[in-house]
């Protein structure tokens, strides 16, 4: 039987993207209160219908911090980066283009690629 929960909701998004070169995927999650990017593993352990699979561990690509990833713009598998539009702490009305490493090594400080001018930027990569 289904049970309704009145104290919460799920924000739907289109930020699931397979990374073909290494059987991983990009995923956005709000598990810490802000939408950040993670990389998970698509590989399946074991064989056949009776096998058990351990849940994938997610590697944080952005955050933690008080900012939101709005949209994945491009994944550069060869260069090892993901480009995304998002907010910055204390700048909720602005949108900028950022890039983060797919290995998670710069999760605390993704690079902002748009000008420091305030505004709602859009980009084509």
N, C-alpha and C. Protein backbone atom coordinates (compact mmCIF):
# COMPACT_ATOMS: atom_id res chain seq x y z
N UNK A 1 0.84 -1.18 0.00
CA UNK A 1 0.00 0.00 0.00
C UNK A 1 0.88 1.24 0.00
N UNK A 2 0.54 2.23 -0.83
CA UNK A 2 1.31 3.47 -0.88
C UNK A 2 0.93 4.38 0.26
N UNK A 3 1.88 5.17 0.70
CA UNK A 3 1.63 6.10 1.79
C UNK A 3 2.11 7.49 1.36
N UNK A 4 1.26 8.47 1.48
CA UNK A 4 1.61 9.85 1.13
C UNK A 4 2.43 10.47 2.26
N UNK A 5 3.41 11.24 1.89
CA UNK A 5 4.22 11.97 2.86
C UNK A 5 4.01 13.45 2.58
N UNK A 6 3.47 14.15 3.55
CA UNK A 6 3.13 15.55 3.36
C UNK A 6 4.27 16.50 3.68
N UNK A 7 5.35 16.03 4.27
CA UNK A 7 6.40 16.93 4.73
C UNK A 7 7.54 17.10 3.74
N UNK A 8 7.41 16.64 2.50
CA UNK A 8 8.52 16.79 1.57
C UNK A 8 8.09 16.63 0.13
N UNK A 9 9.05 16.81 -0.76
CA UNK A 9 8.79 16.63 -2.19
C UNK A 9 10.10 16.27 -2.87
N UNK A 10 10.01 15.87 -4.12
CA UNK A 10 11.18 15.55 -4.93
C UNK A 10 11.20 16.50 -6.12
N UNK A 11 12.29 17.23 -6.29
CA UNK A 11 12.45 18.09 -7.45
C UNK A 11 12.94 17.22 -8.61
N UNK A 12 12.15 17.13 -9.67
CA UNK A 12 12.54 16.35 -10.83
C UNK A 12 13.51 17.14 -11.69
N UNK A 13 14.43 16.43 -12.33
CA UNK A 13 15.42 17.07 -13.20
C UNK A 13 15.83 16.08 -14.28
N UNK A 14 16.57 16.57 -15.23
CA UNK A 14 17.06 15.73 -16.33
C UNK A 14 18.57 15.59 -16.27
N UNK A 15 19.11 15.48 -15.08
CA UNK A 15 20.56 15.43 -14.92
C UNK A 15 21.06 14.04 -14.59
N UNK A 16 20.72 13.10 -15.46
CA UNK A 16 21.33 11.78 -15.46
C UNK A 16 22.01 11.64 -16.81
N UNK A 17 23.30 11.36 -16.79
CA UNK A 17 24.02 11.23 -18.06
C UNK A 17 25.07 10.15 -17.95
N UNK A 18 24.97 9.10 -18.79
CA UNK A 18 26.01 8.07 -18.82
C UNK A 18 27.33 8.65 -19.32
N UNK A 19 28.42 8.15 -18.77
CA UNK A 19 29.76 8.48 -19.25
C UNK A 19 30.27 7.21 -19.92
N UNK A 20 30.24 7.18 -21.22
CA UNK A 20 30.46 5.95 -21.99
C UNK A 20 31.86 5.37 -21.83
N UNK A 21 32.86 6.21 -21.66
CA UNK A 21 34.23 5.72 -21.68
C UNK A 21 34.61 4.87 -20.47
N UNK A 22 33.87 4.95 -19.37
CA UNK A 22 34.30 4.21 -18.19
C UNK A 22 33.15 3.61 -17.37
N UNK A 23 32.00 3.36 -17.98
CA UNK A 23 30.86 2.73 -17.30
C UNK A 23 30.43 3.46 -16.04
N UNK A 24 30.44 4.78 -16.08
CA UNK A 24 29.98 5.59 -14.96
C UNK A 24 28.85 6.49 -15.44
N UNK A 25 28.24 7.21 -14.49
CA UNK A 25 27.17 8.13 -14.85
C UNK A 25 27.23 9.37 -13.97
N UNK A 26 26.73 10.47 -14.51
CA UNK A 26 26.56 11.70 -13.76
C UNK A 26 25.15 11.73 -13.18
N UNK A 27 25.01 12.24 -11.99
CA UNK A 27 23.71 12.32 -11.34
C UNK A 27 23.70 13.56 -10.46
N UNK A 28 22.56 14.26 -10.43
CA UNK A 28 22.39 15.39 -9.53
C UNK A 28 21.51 14.94 -8.37
N UNK A 29 21.90 15.33 -7.17
CA UNK A 29 21.16 14.95 -5.98
C UNK A 29 21.09 16.12 -5.01
N UNK A 30 20.00 16.18 -4.28
CA UNK A 30 19.82 17.19 -3.23
C UNK A 30 19.93 16.56 -1.85
N UNK A 31 20.72 15.50 -1.74
CA UNK A 31 20.80 14.77 -0.48
C UNK A 31 21.36 15.60 0.67
N UNK A 32 22.08 16.68 0.36
CA UNK A 32 22.60 17.53 1.43
C UNK A 32 21.86 18.87 1.51
N UNK A 33 20.73 18.98 0.81
CA UNK A 33 19.93 20.20 0.85
C UNK A 33 20.12 21.12 -0.34
N UNK A 34 21.16 20.91 -1.14
CA UNK A 34 21.44 21.70 -2.33
C UNK A 34 21.75 20.74 -3.47
N UNK A 35 21.32 21.07 -4.69
CA UNK A 35 21.54 20.16 -5.82
C UNK A 35 23.00 20.24 -6.26
N UNK A 36 23.72 19.12 -6.05
CA UNK A 36 25.12 19.00 -6.44
C UNK A 36 25.28 17.80 -7.37
N UNK A 37 26.41 17.73 -8.06
CA UNK A 37 26.68 16.65 -9.01
C UNK A 37 27.51 15.55 -8.38
N UNK A 38 27.22 14.34 -8.80
CA UNK A 38 27.92 13.14 -8.33
C UNK A 38 28.21 12.24 -9.53
N UNK A 39 29.21 11.36 -9.37
CA UNK A 39 29.48 10.32 -10.36
C UNK A 39 29.24 8.98 -9.68
N UNK A 40 28.49 8.11 -10.36
CA UNK A 40 28.24 6.76 -9.86
C UNK A 40 28.78 5.74 -10.85
N UNK A 41 28.80 4.49 -10.45
CA UNK A 41 29.34 3.40 -11.26
C UNK A 41 28.21 2.55 -11.79
N UNK A 42 28.21 2.30 -13.12
CA UNK A 42 27.17 1.49 -13.76
C UNK A 42 27.49 0.00 -13.76
N UNK A 43 28.69 -0.38 -13.38
CA UNK A 43 29.08 -1.79 -13.47
C UNK A 43 28.25 -2.62 -12.49
N UNK A 44 27.96 -3.86 -12.91
CA UNK A 44 27.15 -4.78 -12.12
C UNK A 44 28.05 -5.91 -11.64
N UNK A 45 28.03 -6.15 -10.35
CA UNK A 45 28.79 -7.25 -9.78
C UNK A 45 28.02 -8.54 -9.92
N UNK A 46 28.68 -9.64 -10.19
CA UNK A 46 28.02 -10.94 -10.27
C UNK A 46 27.40 -11.18 -11.62
N UNK A 47 26.83 -12.36 -11.79
CA UNK A 47 26.21 -12.72 -13.05
C UNK A 47 24.86 -13.36 -12.80
N UNK A 48 23.95 -13.18 -13.74
CA UNK A 48 22.66 -13.87 -13.68
C UNK A 48 21.65 -13.18 -12.81
N UNK A 49 20.43 -13.71 -12.88
CA UNK A 49 19.30 -13.10 -12.17
C UNK A 49 19.42 -13.24 -10.66
N UNK A 50 20.13 -14.23 -10.17
CA UNK A 50 20.22 -14.45 -8.73
C UNK A 50 21.35 -13.68 -8.07
N UNK A 51 22.11 -12.91 -8.84
CA UNK A 51 23.25 -12.21 -8.25
C UNK A 51 22.78 -11.03 -7.40
N UNK A 52 23.61 -10.66 -6.47
CA UNK A 52 23.32 -9.48 -5.65
C UNK A 52 24.31 -8.40 -6.02
N UNK A 53 23.85 -7.18 -6.03
CA UNK A 53 24.71 -6.06 -6.38
C UNK A 53 24.76 -5.09 -5.22
N UNK A 54 25.95 -4.69 -4.86
CA UNK A 54 26.11 -3.67 -3.84
C UNK A 54 25.72 -2.32 -4.43
N UNK A 55 25.12 -1.43 -3.64
CA UNK A 55 24.78 -0.12 -4.17
C UNK A 55 26.02 0.65 -4.58
N UNK A 56 25.90 1.41 -5.65
CA UNK A 56 27.00 2.21 -6.14
C UNK A 56 27.33 3.32 -5.15
N UNK A 57 28.61 3.56 -4.94
CA UNK A 57 29.05 4.68 -4.13
C UNK A 57 29.14 5.89 -5.05
N UNK A 58 28.58 7.00 -4.62
CA UNK A 58 28.60 8.21 -5.43
C UNK A 58 29.79 9.08 -5.03
N UNK A 59 30.55 9.53 -6.03
CA UNK A 59 31.67 10.43 -5.83
C UNK A 59 31.17 11.86 -6.03
N UNK A 60 31.37 12.71 -5.05
CA UNK A 60 30.91 14.10 -5.13
C UNK A 60 31.79 14.88 -6.10
N UNK A 61 31.15 15.57 -7.07
CA UNK A 61 31.87 16.43 -8.01
C UNK A 61 31.78 17.89 -7.63
N UNK A 62 30.68 18.29 -7.00
CA UNK A 62 30.50 19.67 -6.58
C UNK A 62 29.99 19.69 -5.15
N UNK A 63 30.40 20.72 -4.42
CA UNK A 63 29.92 20.89 -3.06
C UNK A 63 30.82 20.20 -2.05
N UNK A 64 30.46 20.21 -0.79
CA UNK A 64 29.23 20.79 -0.26
C UNK A 64 29.29 22.31 -0.30
N UNK A 65 28.14 22.91 -0.22
CA UNK A 65 28.07 24.37 -0.21
C UNK A 65 26.68 24.85 -0.55
N UNK A 66 26.45 26.11 -0.29
CA UNK A 66 25.13 26.71 -0.51
C UNK A 66 25.04 27.25 -1.94
N UNK A 67 25.00 26.35 -2.91
CA UNK A 67 24.80 26.69 -4.31
C UNK A 67 24.08 25.53 -4.97
N UNK A 68 23.52 25.78 -6.15
CA UNK A 68 22.71 24.78 -6.84
C UNK A 68 23.22 24.58 -8.26
N UNK A 69 23.34 23.34 -8.68
CA UNK A 69 23.61 23.01 -10.07
C UNK A 69 22.27 23.00 -10.79
N UNK A 70 22.12 23.86 -11.79
CA UNK A 70 20.85 24.00 -12.52
C UNK A 70 20.75 23.07 -13.71
N UNK A 71 21.86 22.88 -14.45
CA UNK A 71 21.79 22.11 -15.69
C UNK A 71 23.19 21.67 -16.10
N UNK A 72 23.31 20.46 -16.60
CA UNK A 72 24.56 19.99 -17.20
C UNK A 72 24.60 20.51 -18.62
N UNK A 73 25.66 21.23 -18.97
CA UNK A 73 25.81 21.80 -20.31
C UNK A 73 26.55 20.85 -21.22
N UNK A 74 27.66 20.28 -20.73
CA UNK A 74 28.48 19.39 -21.56
C UNK A 74 29.36 18.53 -20.66
N UNK A 75 29.61 17.31 -21.12
CA UNK A 75 30.59 16.43 -20.47
C UNK A 75 31.74 16.23 -21.44
N UNK A 76 32.93 16.63 -21.03
CA UNK A 76 34.15 16.46 -21.84
C UNK A 76 34.90 15.26 -21.26
N UNK A 77 34.59 14.08 -21.78
CA UNK A 77 35.21 12.86 -21.24
C UNK A 77 36.72 12.86 -21.48
N UNK A 78 37.15 13.29 -22.67
CA UNK A 78 38.59 13.29 -22.98
C UNK A 78 39.36 14.25 -22.07
N UNK A 79 38.79 15.43 -21.82
CA UNK A 79 39.45 16.41 -20.95
C UNK A 79 39.22 16.16 -19.48
N UNK A 80 38.19 15.36 -19.14
CA UNK A 80 37.92 15.03 -17.75
C UNK A 80 37.13 16.09 -17.00
N UNK A 81 36.24 16.82 -17.71
CA UNK A 81 35.47 17.88 -17.06
C UNK A 81 33.98 17.74 -17.34
N UNK A 82 33.17 18.28 -16.45
CA UNK A 82 31.75 18.49 -16.69
C UNK A 82 31.52 20.00 -16.59
N UNK A 83 30.76 20.52 -17.54
CA UNK A 83 30.40 21.94 -17.57
C UNK A 83 28.94 22.05 -17.17
N UNK A 84 28.62 22.98 -16.28
CA UNK A 84 27.25 23.11 -15.81
C UNK A 84 26.91 24.56 -15.50
N UNK A 85 25.61 24.86 -15.57
CA UNK A 85 25.11 26.16 -15.17
C UNK A 85 24.65 26.03 -13.72
N UNK A 86 24.94 27.06 -12.94
CA UNK A 86 24.53 27.00 -11.54
C UNK A 86 24.67 28.33 -10.84
N UNK A 87 24.34 28.31 -9.57
CA UNK A 87 24.41 29.50 -8.73
C UNK A 87 25.72 29.48 -7.94
N UNK A 88 26.00 30.60 -7.29
CA UNK A 88 27.12 30.73 -6.37
C UNK A 88 26.56 31.04 -4.99
N UNK A 89 27.31 30.75 -3.93
CA UNK A 89 26.81 31.11 -2.60
C UNK A 89 26.50 32.61 -2.53
N UNK A 90 25.38 32.95 -1.94
CA UNK A 90 24.92 34.32 -1.74
C UNK A 90 24.59 35.06 -3.05
N UNK A 91 24.51 34.33 -4.17
CA UNK A 91 24.16 34.95 -5.46
C UNK A 91 23.07 34.10 -6.12
N UNK A 92 21.93 33.95 -5.42
CA UNK A 92 20.88 33.04 -5.87
C UNK A 92 20.18 33.49 -7.13
N UNK A 93 20.19 34.78 -7.44
CA UNK A 93 19.49 35.26 -8.63
C UNK A 93 20.38 35.25 -9.87
N UNK A 94 21.62 34.83 -9.73
CA UNK A 94 22.55 34.79 -10.86
C UNK A 94 22.74 33.36 -11.34
N UNK A 95 23.11 33.20 -12.60
CA UNK A 95 23.47 31.89 -13.16
C UNK A 95 24.78 32.06 -13.92
N UNK A 96 25.73 31.17 -13.66
CA UNK A 96 27.04 31.22 -14.31
C UNK A 96 27.40 29.83 -14.83
N UNK A 97 28.36 29.81 -15.75
CA UNK A 97 28.91 28.55 -16.27
C UNK A 97 30.09 28.16 -15.41
N UNK A 98 30.08 26.91 -14.93
CA UNK A 98 31.16 26.37 -14.12
C UNK A 98 31.71 25.11 -14.77
N UNK A 99 32.90 24.73 -14.38
CA UNK A 99 33.39 23.42 -14.77
C UNK A 99 34.01 22.75 -13.56
N UNK A 100 33.82 21.43 -13.49
CA UNK A 100 34.35 20.63 -12.39
C UNK A 100 35.01 19.39 -12.98
N UNK A 101 36.00 18.89 -12.30
CA UNK A 101 36.71 17.69 -12.76
C UNK A 101 35.87 16.45 -12.51
N UNK A 102 35.87 15.53 -13.47
CA UNK A 102 35.11 14.29 -13.33
C UNK A 102 35.68 13.37 -12.26
N UNK A 103 36.92 13.60 -11.82
CA UNK A 103 37.50 12.77 -10.76
C UNK A 103 37.20 13.32 -9.36
N UNK A 104 36.50 14.47 -9.29
CA UNK A 104 36.10 15.03 -8.00
C UNK A 104 37.19 15.80 -7.28
N UNK A 105 38.35 15.99 -7.89
CA UNK A 105 39.47 16.61 -7.18
C UNK A 105 39.29 18.09 -6.87
N UNK A 106 38.34 18.76 -7.54
CA UNK A 106 38.10 20.17 -7.23
C UNK A 106 36.67 20.41 -6.74
N UNK A 107 36.10 19.44 -6.06
CA UNK A 107 34.69 19.51 -5.62
C UNK A 107 34.40 20.75 -4.77
N UNK A 108 35.35 21.18 -3.99
CA UNK A 108 35.11 22.33 -3.11
C UNK A 108 35.23 23.67 -3.83
N UNK A 109 35.84 23.68 -5.02
CA UNK A 109 36.05 24.95 -5.72
C UNK A 109 35.96 24.77 -7.24
N UNK A 110 34.76 24.46 -7.76
CA UNK A 110 34.62 24.40 -9.22
C UNK A 110 34.95 25.76 -9.83
N UNK A 111 35.47 25.77 -11.05
CA UNK A 111 35.91 26.99 -11.70
C UNK A 111 34.75 27.68 -12.41
N UNK A 112 34.54 28.98 -12.11
CA UNK A 112 33.53 29.78 -12.79
C UNK A 112 34.14 30.30 -14.09
N UNK A 113 33.46 30.04 -15.23
CA UNK A 113 34.00 30.40 -16.54
C UNK A 113 33.36 31.63 -17.15
N UNK A 114 32.26 32.11 -16.59
CA UNK A 114 31.64 33.33 -17.10
C UNK A 114 32.21 34.53 -16.37
N UNK A 115 31.92 35.70 -16.89
CA UNK A 115 32.46 36.92 -16.29
C UNK A 115 31.95 37.08 -14.86
N UNK A 116 32.63 37.90 -14.13
CA UNK A 116 32.21 38.19 -12.76
C UNK A 116 31.06 39.17 -12.72
N UNK A 117 30.59 39.61 -13.90
CA UNK A 117 29.45 40.51 -13.95
C UNK A 117 28.21 39.80 -13.42
N UNK A 118 27.45 40.44 -12.54
CA UNK A 118 26.22 39.83 -12.07
C UNK A 118 25.26 39.61 -13.23
N UNK A 119 24.47 38.58 -13.14
CA UNK A 119 23.48 38.36 -14.17
C UNK A 119 23.08 36.92 -14.32
N UNK A 120 22.17 36.70 -15.24
CA UNK A 120 21.65 35.38 -15.54
C UNK A 120 22.24 34.98 -16.89
N UNK A 121 23.40 34.35 -16.87
CA UNK A 121 24.14 34.02 -18.09
C UNK A 121 23.59 32.73 -18.70
N UNK A 122 23.74 32.62 -20.01
CA UNK A 122 23.46 31.35 -20.71
C UNK A 122 24.64 31.09 -21.62
N UNK A 123 24.91 29.81 -21.87
CA UNK A 123 26.11 29.45 -22.63
C UNK A 123 25.81 28.28 -23.56
N UNK A 124 26.52 28.26 -24.66
CA UNK A 124 26.50 27.13 -25.58
C UNK A 124 27.93 26.63 -25.66
N UNK A 125 28.15 25.36 -25.37
CA UNK A 125 29.50 24.78 -25.39
C UNK A 125 29.59 23.79 -26.51
